[in-house]
Protein backbone atom coordinates (compact mmCIF):
# COMPACT_ATOMS: atom_id res chain seq x y z
CA MET A 1 42.24 -4.83 -11.64
CA GLY A 2 40.27 -8.27 -11.79
CA THR A 3 38.97 -9.70 -14.96
CA VAL A 4 34.94 -10.07 -15.47
CA THR A 5 34.19 -13.58 -16.48
CA GLN A 6 31.31 -14.59 -18.53
CA ARG A 7 29.98 -16.26 -15.46
CA SER A 8 29.94 -13.01 -13.53
CA ILE A 9 28.26 -11.15 -16.73
CA ASN A 10 25.71 -13.83 -16.72
CA LYS A 11 24.93 -13.63 -12.73
CA PHE A 12 24.45 -9.71 -13.32
CA ILE A 13 22.40 -10.07 -16.23
CA GLY A 14 20.11 -12.66 -14.85
CA LYS A 15 19.73 -10.66 -11.52
CA THR A 16 19.01 -7.41 -13.80
CA ARG A 17 16.48 -9.42 -15.46
CA GLY A 18 14.67 -10.89 -12.16
CA ASN A 19 14.66 -6.91 -10.65
CA TYR A 20 13.13 -5.83 -14.17
CA ASN A 21 10.26 -8.44 -14.16
CA GLU A 22 9.80 -8.12 -10.30
CA LYS A 23 9.22 -4.23 -10.83
CA VAL A 24 7.20 -5.12 -13.91
CA LYS A 25 4.71 -7.35 -11.70
CA GLU A 26 4.73 -4.73 -8.84
CA ARG A 27 3.76 -2.04 -11.25
CA LYS A 28 0.79 -4.43 -12.70
CA ALA A 29 -0.38 -5.09 -9.23
CA GLU A 30 -0.67 -1.36 -8.25
CA LYS A 31 -2.43 -0.37 -11.69
CA GLU A 32 -4.99 -3.43 -11.34
CA VAL A 33 -6.01 -2.16 -7.91
CA GLN A 34 -6.04 1.57 -9.04
CA GLU A 35 -8.16 0.73 -11.71
CA PHE A 36 -10.59 -1.24 -9.84
CA LEU A 37 -10.78 1.44 -7.09
CA ARG A 38 -11.25 4.01 -9.98
CA LYS A 39 -14.05 1.90 -11.42
CA ASN A 40 -15.66 0.95 -8.80
CA LEU A 41 -15.80 3.70 -5.76
CA THR A 42 -18.51 6.01 -5.61
CA GLU A 43 -18.00 9.48 -7.00
CA GLU A 44 -17.59 11.09 -3.37
CA TYR A 45 -14.46 9.25 -3.20
CA HIS A 46 -10.77 10.52 -4.23
CA VAL A 47 -7.97 8.30 -5.49
CA PHE A 48 -4.47 9.31 -5.61
CA GLU A 49 -1.79 7.32 -6.83
CA ASN A 50 1.77 7.00 -6.71
CA ILE A 51 2.66 9.85 -4.39
CA TYR A 52 6.46 10.46 -4.22
CA THR A 53 7.60 11.02 -0.32
CA GLY A 54 11.31 11.62 -0.99
CA TYR A 55 11.84 7.86 -0.03
CA GLY A 56 9.93 5.84 -2.15
CA ASP A 57 5.65 6.44 -3.06
CA ILE A 58 2.75 5.90 -1.60
CA ASP A 59 0.79 3.62 -3.81
CA THR A 60 -2.76 4.74 -3.28
CA ILE A 61 -4.39 7.30 -0.97
CA VAL A 62 -8.39 7.36 -1.27
CA VAL A 63 -10.36 10.05 0.31
CA GLY A 64 -14.09 9.83 1.03
CA PRO A 65 -16.60 10.00 3.65
CA THR A 66 -15.94 6.98 5.65
CA GLY A 67 -12.17 8.43 5.98
CA ILE A 68 -8.73 8.41 4.78
CA TYR A 69 -7.14 5.04 3.68
CA MET A 70 -3.14 4.77 2.63
CA ILE A 71 -3.30 1.69 0.31
CA GLU A 72 0.18 -0.32 0.09
CA ILE A 73 0.13 -3.14 -3.17
CA LYS A 74 2.31 -6.00 -3.13
CA SER A 75 2.59 -8.45 -5.89
CA ASN A 76 3.14 -11.49 -3.98
CA SER A 77 1.34 -14.62 -5.12
CA GLY A 78 0.48 -17.48 -2.85
CA THR A 79 -1.39 -17.77 0.36
CA ILE A 80 -1.33 -14.77 2.37
CA THR A 81 -1.28 -15.49 6.24
CA SER A 82 0.33 -14.43 9.60
CA ASN A 83 2.44 -16.71 12.04
CA SER A 84 1.59 -16.94 15.73
CA LYS A 85 3.22 -13.66 16.47
CA GLY A 86 1.31 -11.91 13.74
CA TYR A 87 3.98 -11.31 11.13
CA LEU A 88 3.05 -11.88 7.34
CA SER A 89 3.90 -15.34 5.91
CA ILE A 90 3.11 -16.61 2.42
CA ILE A 91 2.68 -20.17 1.41
CA ASP A 92 3.64 -21.44 -1.97
CA GLY A 93 4.29 -18.23 -3.11
CA ASP A 94 6.74 -15.17 -3.75
CA THR A 95 8.58 -14.53 -0.53
CA PRO A 96 8.51 -10.99 0.65
CA ASN A 97 11.77 -8.97 -0.21
CA LYS A 98 11.12 -6.42 2.84
CA ASN A 99 8.86 -6.28 6.03
CA TYR A 100 5.64 -4.68 4.49
CA ARG A 101 4.63 -3.75 7.80
CA ASP A 102 7.69 -1.76 8.61
CA GLN A 103 7.04 -0.14 5.35
CA VAL A 104 3.22 0.85 6.22
CA LYS A 105 4.17 1.99 9.68
CA LYS A 106 6.70 4.58 8.29
CA GLU A 107 4.61 5.71 5.14
CA LEU A 108 1.43 5.97 7.56
CA GLY A 109 3.47 8.53 9.60
CA GLN A 110 4.55 10.36 6.55
CA VAL A 111 1.23 10.72 5.23
CA LYS A 112 -0.31 11.54 8.58
CA LEU A 113 2.36 14.31 9.11
CA TYR A 114 1.94 15.69 6.09
CA LEU A 115 -1.99 15.84 5.95
CA ASP A 116 -2.00 17.36 9.49
CA ILE A 117 0.40 20.21 8.46
CA ASN A 118 -0.99 20.94 5.04
CA THR A 119 -4.75 20.82 6.32
CA GLY A 120 -4.69 21.89 10.01
CA LEU A 121 -6.72 18.68 10.78
CA ASN A 122 -5.82 16.06 13.11
CA CYS A 123 -6.05 13.65 10.44
CA TRP A 124 -6.73 9.67 10.75
CA VAL A 125 -5.17 7.69 8.34
CA ASN A 126 -6.19 3.90 7.67
CA PRO A 127 -3.52 1.84 6.63
CA VAL A 128 -4.24 -1.60 4.47
CA LEU A 129 -2.11 -3.76 2.68
CA VAL A 130 -3.23 -5.25 -0.59
CA PHE A 131 -2.61 -8.37 -2.54
CA PRO A 132 -4.27 -8.54 -5.94
CA PHE A 133 -2.32 -11.57 -7.20
CA GLY A 134 -2.51 -13.98 -3.70
CA LEU A 135 -4.99 -15.56 -1.72
CA VAL A 136 -5.59 -13.67 1.78
CA MET A 137 -7.00 -15.17 4.63
CA LYS A 138 -10.17 -13.89 5.95
CA ASP A 139 -9.87 -11.20 8.85
CA LEU A 140 -6.01 -11.11 8.28
CA ASN A 141 -4.45 -8.59 10.60
CA LEU A 142 -0.42 -7.92 11.15
CA THR A 143 0.58 -7.22 14.30
CA SER A 144 3.65 -6.80 16.39
CA GLU A 145 4.51 -6.88 20.07
CA TYR A 146 6.50 -3.75 20.06
CA ASP A 147 3.84 -1.41 18.84
CA LYS A 148 0.18 -0.85 18.54
CA LEU A 149 -0.42 -0.62 14.83
CA VAL A 150 -2.91 -3.30 13.47
CA LEU A 151 -2.65 -3.44 9.54
CA PRO A 152 -5.11 -5.17 7.88
CA VAL A 153 -4.57 -7.46 5.22
CA VAL A 154 -7.19 -8.00 2.42
CA ASP A 155 -7.46 -8.79 -1.38
CA LYS A 156 -8.65 -6.53 -4.19
CA LYS A 157 -12.20 -7.71 -4.01
CA ASP A 158 -12.45 -7.36 -0.06
CA LEU A 159 -10.62 -3.66 -0.52
CA LEU A 160 -14.02 -2.09 -1.27
CA LYS A 161 -15.88 -3.74 1.57
CA TYR A 162 -12.80 -2.57 4.05
CA ILE A 163 -13.31 1.33 2.72
CA TYR A 164 -17.07 1.24 2.77
CA ALA A 165 -17.15 -0.68 6.47
CA LYS A 166 -15.23 1.64 8.08
CA ASN A 167 -17.39 4.30 9.55
CA GLN A 168 -15.07 5.36 12.33
CA ALA A 169 -14.12 8.45 11.00
CA LYS A 170 -16.99 10.19 9.06
CA LEU A 171 -15.39 13.02 6.98
CA THR A 172 -17.65 15.76 5.76
CA PRO A 173 -17.58 17.34 2.20
CA GLU A 174 -15.54 20.34 3.55
CA GLN A 175 -13.03 18.08 5.14
CA ILE A 176 -12.65 15.82 2.18
CA ASN A 177 -12.13 18.62 -0.24
CA LYS A 178 -9.46 20.10 2.00
CA ILE A 179 -7.43 16.61 2.21
CA SER A 180 -8.14 16.16 -1.43
CA LYS A 181 -6.65 19.56 -2.35
CA ALA A 182 -3.41 18.87 0.04
CA LEU A 183 -3.03 15.62 -1.64
CA GLU A 184 -3.37 17.08 -5.10
CA GLU A 185 -0.38 19.44 -4.34
CA TRP A 186 1.75 16.74 -2.78
CA GLN A 187 1.05 14.54 -5.94
CA LYS A 188 2.32 17.32 -8.21
CA ASP A 189 5.77 17.59 -6.39
């Protein structure tokens, strides 16, 4: 059996502390956006937070007259932009620790499937990626040459504009109620 050196202990502690600090920053970003939505959305919108999927959690889902919004919140700082291929790029800030677009795409499929099954509706879910601590370039969308998903990327203040401006899927009060009840059940699990 090998010996444990002080260097390996220090490396482990540093990595653990870094992971902990990253989780604290992520949770702070989520809380900031969720609180902002609760305070600023009109009463006809419903906000669902931290829905566990079995693989991870959906940060926030908003349901209201303009549609259903699945909101993924990231704590990266810096200038948020994209490269020539449509992939996320962060300048002078925190490097992403995973492919956020792929994460949203997987979560989007889970949310749509759950809502379709549990409401009997064919739900259109609008994904959006939010960076409350970053400077997001105007009209930023992440794309890929391999699929048709266009992922809007916004900062906290532009999130409300995005939600209110999306008028493609008008939901009736009955549909909002049905979707909200299904999400309340999912949130309990």
